Amino acid sequence: MNLFAQNNVKSPKIRTIIIDAGHGGSDVGARGAYSTEAQITLELALRLDTLLRKEMPDTRIVMTRTTDIYHHVREKANIANNEKGDLFVCIHVNAAPPKKIVTGYKSVPYFKGKGSKRKKYYNKVPIYATSPNPAHGTSTYIWAADRSDEKAQGIIADERYESSAEVMDVPDVNSPEAMIKARLWSQKFFKNSVQLGTLIENEFVNIGRKSLGVLQRNHMGIWVLQATNMPAVLIETGFITDKEEENYLNSETGQIEMTRAMANAIIKYKQAIDGK
């Protein structure tokens, strides 16, 4: 046995992957014509879990939920952090409000003046109706760069360092040095999140989906990304408010293609990070 070679085998950096099916239970998320976001995300997450367990047997896969139950975003983040995840993958479905369109105009009377000088005038007022929003496509979100301090605070609170030696280097987690180190880890997580997001969107393009790209999110949905002490992405798998995309995400073909694409991206990301 070559002990030198054995001792120089790198231990994997991606040991635990957290899969989060967005919404659930009393929180159904976005609604389509006949399905809900919570239903679709759970189906996709369960399929992705099965694929990754089969193709990455040495990697631990943790689901935040496997049934139709509700977890507050704080609980989701706590699950990921307590399980010491190395990657957080949150699955969602997008939605767009109906479009307001002008279908015509009507004349609305109004009066000016008093007594014998009172005259009737008319205003041309638009008549509105709504139509389905044509928005469609996938996107992968990461936390916005202006939220990096919040991410660093989470990292430092969890003492998220690679080895005990690093903790020894900074014995006081409240020191300025510790905050600097946490910010550096936050930058690394940001870069890795962009890397994974890019791989995911490329895989979606490969199966013929329209990609809206890798985007930074600093509004709804950002909290769980910045509170998880690891690289984190939120995948919008399509628009449930688009008839074709709702049908696709509920179909056997669509779910197989989408989870295959996500699994491919995660596997490529792990190979890149682990140097294999």
C-alpha atoms as a PDB file:
ATOM      1  CA  MET A   1       0.000   0.000   0.000  1.00  0.00           C
ATOM      2  CA  ASN A   2       1.289   3.434  -0.926  1.00  0.00           C
ATOM      3  CA  LEU A   3       0.961   5.257   2.410  1.00  0.00           C
ATOM      4  CA  PHE A   4       2.173   8.530   0.898  1.00  0.00           C
ATOM      5  CA  ALA A   5      -0.557   8.465  -1.723  1.00  0.00           C
ATOM      6  CA  GLN A   6      -3.100   7.374   0.880  1.00  0.00           C
ATOM      7  CA  ASN A   7      -2.196  10.246   3.201  1.00  0.00           C
ATOM      8  CA  ASN A   8      -2.445  12.756   0.366  1.00  0.00           C
ATOM      9  CA  VAL A   9      -5.994  11.840  -0.662  1.00  0.00           C
ATOM     10  CA  LYS A  10      -8.065  14.967  -0.187  1.00  0.00           C
ATOM     11  CA  SER A  11     -11.119  14.606   1.993  1.00  0.00           C
ATOM     12  CA  PRO A  12     -14.264  15.852   0.247  1.00  0.00           C
ATOM     13  CA  LYS A  13     -15.353  19.405   1.012  1.00  0.00           C
ATOM     14  CA  ILE A  14     -18.964  18.751   0.017  1.00  0.00           C
ATOM     15  CA  ARG A  15     -20.058  16.157   2.556  1.00  0.00           C
ATOM     16  CA  THR A  16     -23.626  17.246   3.322  1.00  0.00           C
ATOM     17  CA  ILE A  17     -26.164  18.784   0.931  1.00  0.00           C
ATOM     18  CA  ILE A  18     -29.397  20.319   2.201  1.00  0.00           C
ATOM     19  CA  ILE A  19     -32.425  20.218  -0.126  1.00  0.00           C
ATOM     20  CA  ASP A  20     -35.279  22.534   0.781  1.00  0.00           C
ATOM     21  CA  ALA A  21     -38.697  22.206  -0.836  1.00  0.00           C
ATOM     22  CA  GLY A  22     -40.098  25.726  -0.653  1.00  0.00           C
ATOM     23  CA  HIS A  23     -43.322  26.484   1.256  1.00  0.00           C
ATOM     24  CA  GLY A  24     -45.532  23.618   2.477  1.00  0.00           C
ATOM     25  CA  GLY A  25     -48.460  22.923   4.781  1.00  0.00           C
ATOM     26  CA  SER A  26     -50.499  26.053   5.458  1.00  0.00           C
ATOM     27  CA  ASP A  27     -48.180  28.032   3.174  1.00  0.00           C
ATOM     28  CA  VAL A  28     -49.000  26.834  -0.334  1.00  0.00           C
ATOM     29  CA  GLY A  29     -46.932  29.527  -2.035  1.00  0.00           C
ATOM     30  CA  ALA A  30     -47.870  30.577  -5.556  1.00  0.00           C
ATOM     31  CA  ARG A  31     -51.017  29.160  -7.151  1.00  0.00           C
ATOM     32  CA  GLY A  32     -51.551  28.064 -10.712  1.00  0.00           C
ATOM     33  CA  ALA A  33     -54.711  27.017 -12.510  1.00  0.00           C
ATOM     34  CA  TYR A  34     -54.819  23.653 -10.733  1.00  0.00           C
ATOM     35  CA  SER A  35     -51.637  23.210  -8.658  1.00  0.00           C
ATOM     36  CA  THR A  36     -49.614  24.963  -5.970  1.00  0.00           C
ATOM     37  CA  GLU A  37     -45.976  25.860  -5.529  1.00  0.00           C
ATOM     38  CA  ALA A  38     -45.702  23.787  -2.316  1.00  0.00           C
ATOM     39  CA  GLN A  39     -46.910  20.678  -4.137  1.00  0.00           C
ATOM     40  CA  ILE A  40     -44.534  21.040  -7.095  1.00  0.00           C
ATOM     41  CA  THR A  41     -41.464  21.905  -5.002  1.00  0.00           C
ATOM     42  CA  LEU A  42     -41.957  18.834  -2.809  1.00  0.00           C
ATOM     43  CA  GLU A  43     -42.300  16.547  -5.825  1.00  0.00           C
ATOM     44  CA  LEU A  44     -39.144  17.978  -7.391  1.00  0.00           C
ATOM     45  CA  ALA A  45     -37.207  17.850  -4.112  1.00  0.00           C
ATOM     46  CA  LEU A  46     -38.115  14.188  -3.504  1.00  0.00           C
ATOM     47  CA  ARG A  47     -37.011  13.247  -7.018  1.00  0.00           C
ATOM     48  CA  LEU A  48     -33.763  15.199  -6.625  1.00  0.00           C
ATOM     49  CA  ASP A  49     -33.129  13.511  -3.271  1.00  0.00           C
ATOM     50  CA  THR A  50     -33.531  10.067  -4.878  1.00  0.00           C
ATOM     51  CA  LEU A  51     -31.196  10.953  -7.766  1.00  0.00           C
ATOM     52  CA  LEU A  52     -28.444  12.378  -5.579  1.00  0.00           C
ATOM     53  CA  ARG A  53     -28.543   9.475  -3.105  1.00  0.00           C
ATOM     54  CA  LYS A  54     -28.139   7.069  -6.019  1.00  0.00           C
ATOM     55  CA  GLU A  55     -25.371   8.953  -7.830  1.00  0.00           C
ATOM     56  CA  MET A  56     -23.559  10.444  -4.812  1.00  0.00           C
ATOM     57  CA  PRO A  57     -23.632   7.572  -2.287  1.00  0.00           C
ATOM     58  CA  ASP A  58     -20.760   9.048  -0.271  1.00  0.00           C
ATOM     59  CA  THR A  59     -22.548  12.378   0.177  1.00  0.00           C
ATOM     60  CA  ARG A  60     -25.109  12.930   2.905  1.00  0.00           C
ATOM     61  CA  ILE A  61     -28.404  14.349   1.632  1.00  0.00           C
ATOM     62  CA  VAL A  62     -30.724  16.081   4.113  1.00  0.00           C
ATOM     63  CA  MET A  63     -34.267  17.162   3.248  1.00  0.00           C
ATOM     64  CA  THR A  64     -35.856  20.006   5.228  1.00  0.00           C
ATOM     65  CA  ARG A  65     -39.229  18.365   4.593  1.00  0.00           C
ATOM     66  CA  THR A  66     -40.436  15.162   2.957  1.00  0.00           C
ATOM     67  CA  THR A  67     -44.167  15.722   3.479  1.00  0.00           C
ATOM     68  CA  ASP A  68     -46.625  18.585   3.129  1.00  0.00           C
ATOM     69  CA  ILE A  69     -45.715  20.396   6.346  1.00  0.00           C
ATOM     70  CA  TYR A  70     -44.958  24.022   7.162  1.00  0.00           C
ATOM     71  CA  HIS A  71     -41.585  25.248   8.363  1.00  0.00           C
ATOM     72  CA  HIS A  72     -40.817  28.880   9.097  1.00  0.00           C
ATOM     73  CA  VAL A  73     -37.752  30.084   7.179  1.00  0.00           C
ATOM     74  CA  ARG A  74     -35.878  30.260  10.489  1.00  0.00           C
ATOM     75  CA  GLU A  75     -36.552  26.554  11.029  1.00  0.00           C
ATOM     76  CA  LYS A  76     -35.293  25.785   7.524  1.00  0.00           C
ATOM     77  CA  ALA A  77     -32.070  27.701   8.182  1.00  0.00           C
ATOM     78  CA  ASN A  78     -31.677  26.029  11.588  1.00  0.00           C
ATOM     79  CA  ILE A  79     -32.048  22.578  10.033  1.00  0.00           C
ATOM     80  CA  ALA A  80     -29.372  23.381   7.440  1.00  0.00           C
ATOM     81  CA  ASN A  81     -26.975  24.869   9.999  1.00  0.00           C
ATOM     82  CA  ASN A  82     -27.524  22.192  12.649  1.00  0.00           C
ATOM     83  CA  GLU A  83     -26.890  19.478  10.063  1.00  0.00           C
ATOM     84  CA  LYS A  84     -23.609  21.252   9.158  1.00  0.00           C
ATOM     85  CA  GLY A  85     -24.560  21.495   5.513  1.00  0.00           C
ATOM     86  CA  ASP A  86     -21.923  22.325   2.930  1.00  0.00           C
ATOM     87  CA  LEU A  87     -24.493  23.371   0.342  1.00  0.00           C
ATOM     88  CA  PHE A  88     -28.085  24.637   0.545  1.00  0.00           C
ATOM     89  CA  VAL A  89     -30.388  24.118  -2.448  1.00  0.00           C
ATOM     90  CA  CYS A  90     -33.820  25.694  -2.145  1.00  0.00           C
ATOM     91  CA  ILE A  91     -36.448  24.797  -4.775  1.00  0.00           C
ATOM     92  CA  HIS A  92     -39.247  27.228  -5.637  1.00  0.00           C
ATOM     93  CA  VAL A  93     -41.740  28.007  -8.389  1.00  0.00           C
ATOM     94  CA  ASN A  94     -42.172  31.530  -9.706  1.00  0.00           C
ATOM     95  CA  ALA A  95     -45.353  33.515 -10.358  1.00  0.00           C
ATOM     96  CA  ALA A  96     -46.282  36.713 -12.162  1.00  0.00           C
ATOM     97  CA  PRO A  97     -49.416  38.824 -11.608  1.00  0.00           C
ATOM     98  CA  PRO A  98     -51.991  39.146 -14.423  1.00  0.00           C
ATOM     99  CA  LYS A  99     -51.287  41.907 -16.902  1.00  0.00           C
ATOM    100  CA  LYS A 100     -53.552  44.952 -16.907  1.00  0.00           C
ATOM    101  CA  ILE A 101     -54.513  45.867 -20.460  1.00  0.00           C
ATOM    102  CA  VAL A 102     -56.653  48.630 -21.980  1.00  0.00           C
ATOM    103  CA  THR A 103     -59.586  47.172 -23.923  1.00  0.00           C
ATOM    104  CA  GLY A 104     -61.295  50.451 -24.809  1.00  0.00           C
ATOM    105  CA  TYR A 105     -62.431  53.830 -23.526  1.00  0.00           C
ATOM    106  CA  LYS A 106     -65.605  55.307 -22.100  1.00  0.00           C
ATOM    107  CA  SER A 107     -66.797  58.880 -21.640  1.00  0.00           C
ATOM    108  CA  VAL A 108     -67.401  59.914 -18.047  1.00  0.00           C
ATOM    109  CA  PRO A 109     -69.327  63.184 -17.569  1.00  0.00           C
ATOM    110  CA  TYR A 110     -68.325  65.926 -15.159  1.00  0.00           C
ATOM    111  CA  PHE A 111     -69.592  69.448 -14.572  1.00  0.00           C
ATOM    112  CA  LYS A 112     -67.957  72.820 -14.144  1.00  0.00           C
ATOM    113  CA  GLY A 113     -69.423  76.137 -13.109  1.00  0.00           C
ATOM    114  CA  LYS A 114     -72.511  77.093 -11.151  1.00  0.00           C
ATOM    115  CA  GLY A 115     -76.036  78.110 -11.982  1.00  0.00           C
ATOM    116  CA  SER A 116     -76.591  79.207 -15.563  1.00  0.00           C
ATOM    117  CA  LYS A 117     -72.872  78.867 -16.201  1.00  0.00           C
ATOM    118  CA  ARG A 118     -72.798  75.189 -15.233  1.00  0.00           C
ATOM    119  CA  LYS A 119     -71.636  73.129 -18.186  1.00  0.00           C
ATOM    120  CA  LYS A 120     -71.265  69.439 -18.836  1.00  0.00           C
ATOM    121  CA  TYR A 121     -67.956  68.008 -20.035  1.00  0.00           C
ATOM    122  CA  TYR A 122     -66.665  64.519 -20.701  1.00  0.00           C
ATOM    123  CA  ASN A 123     -63.448  62.739 -19.763  1.00  0.00           C
ATOM    124  CA  LYS A 124     -62.121  59.877 -21.840  1.00  0.00           C
ATOM    125  CA  VAL A 125     -61.393  57.096 -19.342  1.00  0.00           C
ATOM    126  CA  PRO A 126     -59.699  53.775 -20.236  1.00  0.00           C
ATOM    127  CA  ILE A 127     -61.477  50.465 -19.674  1.00  0.00           C
ATOM    128  CA  TYR A 128     -59.171  47.826 -18.180  1.00  0.00           C
ATOM    129  CA  ALA A 129     -59.148  44.049 -18.228  1.00  0.00           C
ATOM    130  CA  THR A 130     -56.619  41.458 -17.105  1.00  0.00           C
ATOM    131  CA  SER A 131     -54.865  38.797 -19.121  1.00  0.00           C
ATOM    132  CA  PRO A 132     -52.421  36.016 -18.138  1.00  0.00           C
ATOM    133  CA  ASN A 133     -48.868  37.226 -17.675  1.00  0.00           C
ATOM    134  CA  PRO A 134     -46.601  35.783 -20.409  1.00  0.00           C
ATOM    135  CA  ALA A 135     -43.573  35.668 -18.074  1.00  0.00           C
ATOM    136  CA  HIS A 136     -41.818  32.297 -18.192  1.00  0.00           C
ATOM    137  CA  GLY A 137     -38.392  30.763 -17.682  1.00  0.00           C
ATOM    138  CA  THR A 138     -36.057  29.636 -14.927  1.00  0.00           C
ATOM    139  CA  SER A 139     -33.783  31.654 -12.676  1.00  0.00           C
ATOM    140  CA  THR A 140     -31.433  30.914  -9.800  1.00  0.00           C
ATOM    141  CA  TYR A 141     -31.087  33.415  -6.979  1.00  0.00           C
ATOM    142  CA  ILE A 142     -28.252  34.036  -4.567  1.00  0.00           C
ATOM    143  CA  TRP A 143     -28.213  36.540  -1.725  1.00  0.00           C
ATOM    144  CA  ALA A 144     -27.392  40.074  -2.821  1.00  0.00           C
ATOM    145  CA  ALA A 145     -23.854  41.315  -2.315  1.00  0.00           C
ATOM    146  CA  ASP A 146     -25.142  44.092  -0.032  1.00  0.00           C
ATOM    147  CA  ARG A 147     -26.285  41.400   2.412  1.00  0.00           C
ATOM    148  CA  SER A 148     -22.807  39.933   2.881  1.00  0.00           C
ATOM    149  CA  ASP A 149     -22.465  41.368   6.381  1.00  0.00           C
ATOM    150  CA  GLU A 150     -25.616  39.514   7.443  1.00  0.00           C
ATOM    151  CA  LYS A 151     -24.174  36.324   5.970  1.00  0.00           C
ATOM    152  CA  ALA A 152     -20.910  36.942   7.834  1.00  0.00           C
ATOM    153  CA  GLN A 153     -22.803  37.432  11.105  1.00  0.00           C
ATOM    154  CA  GLY A 154     -24.428  34.046  10.603  1.00  0.00           C
ATOM    155  CA  ILE A 155     -21.098  32.421   9.824  1.00  0.00           C
ATOM    156  CA  ILE A 156     -19.404  33.856  12.893  1.00  0.00           C
ATOM    157  CA  ALA A 157     -22.319  32.891  15.143  1.00  0.00           C
ATOM    158  CA  ASP A 158     -21.975  29.318  13.934  1.00  0.00           C
ATOM    159  CA  GLU A 159     -18.158  29.390  14.166  1.00  0.00           C
ATOM    160  CA  ARG A 160     -18.124  28.200  10.585  1.00  0.00           C
ATOM    161  CA  TYR A 161     -14.427  27.503   9.959  1.00  0.00           C
ATOM    162  CA  GLU A 162     -12.758  24.644   8.140  1.00  0.00           C
ATOM    163  CA  SER A 163     -10.671  23.346  11.015  1.00  0.00           C
ATOM    164  CA  SER A 164     -10.120  23.655  14.737  1.00  0.00           C
ATOM    165  CA  ALA A 165      -6.814  25.369  13.953  1.00  0.00           C
ATOM    166  CA  GLU A 166      -8.695  28.289  12.447  1.00  0.00           C
ATOM    167  CA  VAL A 167     -10.784  28.629  15.585  1.00  0.00           C
ATOM    168  CA  MET A 168      -7.569  28.619  17.616  1.00  0.00           C
ATOM    169  CA  ASP A 169      -6.303  31.461  15.432  1.00  0.00           C
ATOM    170  CA  VAL A 170      -9.308  33.534  16.481  1.00  0.00           C
ATOM    171  CA  PRO A 171     -10.237  32.503  20.022  1.00  0.00           C
ATOM    172  CA  ASP A 172     -12.665  35.386  20.525  1.00  0.00           C
ATOM    173  CA  VAL A 173     -15.499  35.112  17.974  1.00  0.00           C
ATOM    174  CA  ASN A 174     -16.557  38.680  18.850  1.00  0.00           C
ATOM    175  CA  SER A 175     -13.178  40.154  17.903  1.00  0.00           C
ATOM    176  CA  PRO A 176     -12.673  42.316  14.785  1.00  0.00           C
ATOM    177  CA  GLU A 177     -10.336  39.634  13.438  1.00  0.00           C
ATOM    178  CA  ALA A 178     -13.100  37.035  13.638  1.00  0.00           C
ATOM    179  CA  MET A 179     -15.488  39.305  11.756  1.00  0.00           C
ATOM    180  CA  ILE A 180     -12.892  39.868   9.029  1.00  0.00           C
ATOM    181  CA  LYS A 181     -12.399  36.124   8.676  1.00  0.00           C
ATOM    182  CA  ALA A 182     -16.164  35.575   8.569  1.00  0.00           C
ATOM    183  CA  ARG A 183     -16.493  38.184   5.829  1.00  0.00           C
ATOM    184  CA  LEU A 184     -13.845  36.371   3.820  1.00  0.00           C
ATOM    185  CA  TRP A 185     -15.840  33.151   4.195  1.00  0.00           C
ATOM    186  CA  SER A 186     -18.957  35.052   3.141  1.00  0.00           C
ATOM    187  CA  GLN A 187     -17.174  36.181  -0.034  1.00  0.00           C
ATOM    188  CA  LYS A 188     -16.096  32.613  -0.720  1.00  0.00           C
ATOM    189  CA  PHE A 189     -19.655  31.352  -0.222  1.00  0.00           C
ATOM    190  CA  PHE A 190     -20.933  34.112  -2.534  1.00  0.00           C
ATOM    191  CA  LYS A 191     -18.497  33.078  -5.272  1.00  0.00           C
ATOM    192  CA  ASN A 192     -19.369  29.392  -4.872  1.00  0.00           C
ATOM    193  CA  SER A 193     -23.085  30.187  -4.941  1.00  0.00           C
ATOM    194  CA  VAL A 194     -22.634  32.030  -8.245  1.00  0.00           C
ATOM    195  CA  GLN A 195     -20.677  29.051  -9.573  1.00  0.00           C
ATOM    196  CA  LEU A 196     -23.453  26.602  -8.676  1.00  0.00           C
ATOM    197  CA  GLY A 197     -26.174  28.937  -9.941  1.00  0.00           C
ATOM    198  CA  THR A 198     -24.418  29.233 -13.294  1.00  0.00           C
ATOM    199  CA  LEU A 199     -24.102  25.456 -13.593  1.00  0.00           C
ATOM    200  CA  ILE A 200     -27.809  25.044 -12.801  1.00  0.00           C
ATOM    201  CA  GLU A 201     -28.957  27.581 -15.373  1.00  0.00           C
ATOM    202  CA  ASN A 202     -26.632  26.091 -18.008  1.00  0.00           C
ATOM    203  CA  GLU A 203     -28.182  22.668 -17.408  1.00  0.00           C
ATOM    204  CA  PHE A 204     -31.674  24.156 -17.775  1.00  0.00           C
ATOM    205  CA  VAL A 205     -30.666  25.677 -21.110  1.00  0.00           C
ATOM    206  CA  ASN A 206     -29.347  22.276 -22.186  1.00  0.00           C
ATOM    207  CA  ILE A 207     -32.831  20.766 -21.803  1.00  0.00           C
ATOM    208  CA  GLY A 208     -34.408  23.592 -23.770  1.00  0.00           C
ATOM    209  CA  ARG A 209     -35.635  25.824 -20.957  1.00  0.00           C
ATOM    210  CA  LYS A 210     -35.506  29.598 -21.178  1.00  0.00           C
ATOM    211  CA  SER A 211     -33.065  30.897 -18.553  1.00  0.00           C
ATOM    212  CA  LEU A 212     -33.460  34.312 -16.947  1.00  0.00           C
ATOM    213  CA  GLY A 213     -29.996  33.883 -15.442  1.00  0.00           C
ATOM    214  CA  VAL A 214     -28.332  33.940 -12.045  1.00  0.00           C
ATOM    215  CA  LEU A 215     -29.747  36.860 -10.080  1.00  0.00           C
ATOM    216  CA  GLN A 216     -29.124  38.526  -6.743  1.00  0.00           C
ATOM    217  CA  ARG A 217     -32.075  38.643  -4.402  1.00  0.00           C
ATOM    218  CA  ASN A 218     -32.369  41.210  -1.627  1.00  0.00           C
ATOM    219  CA  HIS A 219     -36.105  41.114  -1.022  1.00  0.00           C
ATOM    220  CA  MET A 220     -38.542  38.219  -0.523  1.00  0.00           C
ATOM    221  CA  GLY A 221     -36.769  34.899  -0.009  1.00  0.00           C
ATOM    222  CA  ILE A 222     -33.390  36.388   0.822  1.00  0.00           C
ATOM    223  CA  TRP A 223     -33.478  35.571   4.539  1.00  0.00           C
ATOM    224  CA  VAL A 224     -33.046  31.821   4.198  1.00  0.00           C
ATOM    225  CA  LEU A 225     -30.143  32.366   1.779  1.00  0.00           C
ATOM    226  CA  GLN A 226     -28.226  34.708   4.050  1.00  0.00           C
ATOM    227  CA  ALA A 227     -29.049  32.789   7.270  1.00  0.00           C
ATOM    228  CA  THR A 228     -27.651  29.470   6.033  1.00  0.00           C
ATOM    229  CA  ASN A 229     -23.952  29.274   6.828  1.00  0.00           C
ATOM    230  CA  MET A 230     -22.881  27.744   3.533  1.00  0.00           C
ATOM    231  CA  PRO A 231     -23.121  28.433  -0.214  1.00  0.00           C
ATOM    232  CA  ALA A 232     -26.838  28.743  -0.958  1.00  0.00           C
ATOM    233  CA  VAL A 233     -29.067  29.044  -4.015  1.00  0.00           C
ATOM    234  CA  LEU A 234     -32.802  29.458  -4.543  1.00  0.00           C
ATOM    235  CA  ILE A 235     -33.993  27.895  -7.795  1.00  0.00           C
ATOM    236  CA  GLU A 236     -37.102  29.255  -9.503  1.00  0.00           C
ATOM    237  CA  THR A 237     -38.018  26.297 -11.706  1.00  0.00           C
ATOM    238  CA  GLY A 238     -40.593  28.132 -13.817  1.00  0.00           C
ATOM    239  CA  PHE A 239     -43.769  30.220 -13.668  1.00  0.00           C
ATOM    240  CA  ILE A 240     -46.826  28.452 -12.295  1.00  0.00           C
ATOM    241  CA  THR A 241     -48.914  31.313 -13.719  1.00  0.00           C
ATOM    242  CA  ASP A 242     -47.891  30.315 -17.248  1.00  0.00           C
ATOM    243  CA  LYS A 243     -50.142  27.541 -18.576  1.00  0.00           C
ATOM    244  CA  GLU A 244     -47.404  25.711 -20.469  1.00  0.00           C
ATOM    245  CA  GLU A 245     -44.924  25.890 -17.598  1.00  0.00           C
ATOM    246  CA  GLU A 246     -47.479  24.752 -15.021  1.00  0.00           C
ATOM    247  CA  ASN A 247     -48.278  21.747 -17.214  1.00  0.00           C
ATOM    248  CA  TYR A 248     -44.563  21.029 -17.701  1.00  0.00           C
ATOM    249  CA  LEU A 249     -43.689  21.214 -13.999  1.00  0.00           C
ATOM    250  CA  ASN A 250     -46.563  18.879 -13.143  1.00  0.00           C
ATOM    251  CA  SER A 251     -45.720  16.355 -15.872  1.00  0.00           C
ATOM    252  CA  GLU A 252     -43.594  13.258 -15.436  1.00  0.00           C
ATOM    253  CA  THR A 253     -41.336  14.376 -18.295  1.00  0.00           C
ATOM    254  CA  GLY A 254     -40.884  17.858 -16.891  1.00  0.00           C
ATOM    255  CA  GLN A 255     -40.060  16.687 -13.388  1.00  0.00           C
ATOM    256  CA  ILE A 256     -37.588  14.084 -14.658  1.00  0.00           C
ATOM    257  CA  GLU A 257     -35.837  16.636 -16.894  1.00  0.00           C
ATOM    258  CA  MET A 258     -35.707  19.340 -14.229  1.00  0.00           C
ATOM    259  CA  THR A 259     -34.356  17.104 -11.465  1.00  0.00           C
ATOM    260  CA  ARG A 260     -31.840  15.553 -13.852  1.00  0.00           C
ATOM    261  CA  ALA A 261     -30.611  19.035 -14.758  1.00  0.00           C
ATOM    262  CA  MET A 262     -30.336  20.086 -11.090  1.00  0.00           C
ATOM    263  CA  ALA A 263     -28.554  16.849 -10.184  1.00  0.00           C
ATOM    264  CA  ASN A 264     -26.077  17.272 -13.056  1.00  0.00           C
ATOM    265  CA  ALA A 265     -25.242  20.787 -11.867  1.00  0.00           C
ATOM    266  CA  ILE A 266     -24.784  19.725  -8.235  1.00  0.00           C
ATOM    267  CA  ILE A 267     -22.550  16.808  -9.227  1.00  0.00           C
ATOM    268  CA  LYS A 268     -20.403  19.075 -11.435  1.00  0.00           C
ATOM    269  CA  TYR A 269     -20.192  21.629  -8.621  1.00  0.00           C
ATOM    270  CA  LYS A 270     -19.052  19.004  -6.129  1.00  0.00           C
ATOM    271  CA  GLN A 271     -16.452  17.682  -8.557  1.00  0.00           C
ATOM    272  CA  ALA A 272     -15.116  21.205  -9.069  1.00  0.00           C
ATOM    273  CA  ILE A 273     -14.996  22.039  -5.357  1.00  0.00           C
ATOM    274  CA  ASP A 274     -13.548  18.673  -4.359  1.00  0.00           C
ATOM    275  CA  GLY A 275     -10.987  18.871  -7.174  1.00  0.00           C
ATOM    276  CA  LYS A 276     -12.098  15.693  -8.888  1.00  0.00           C
END
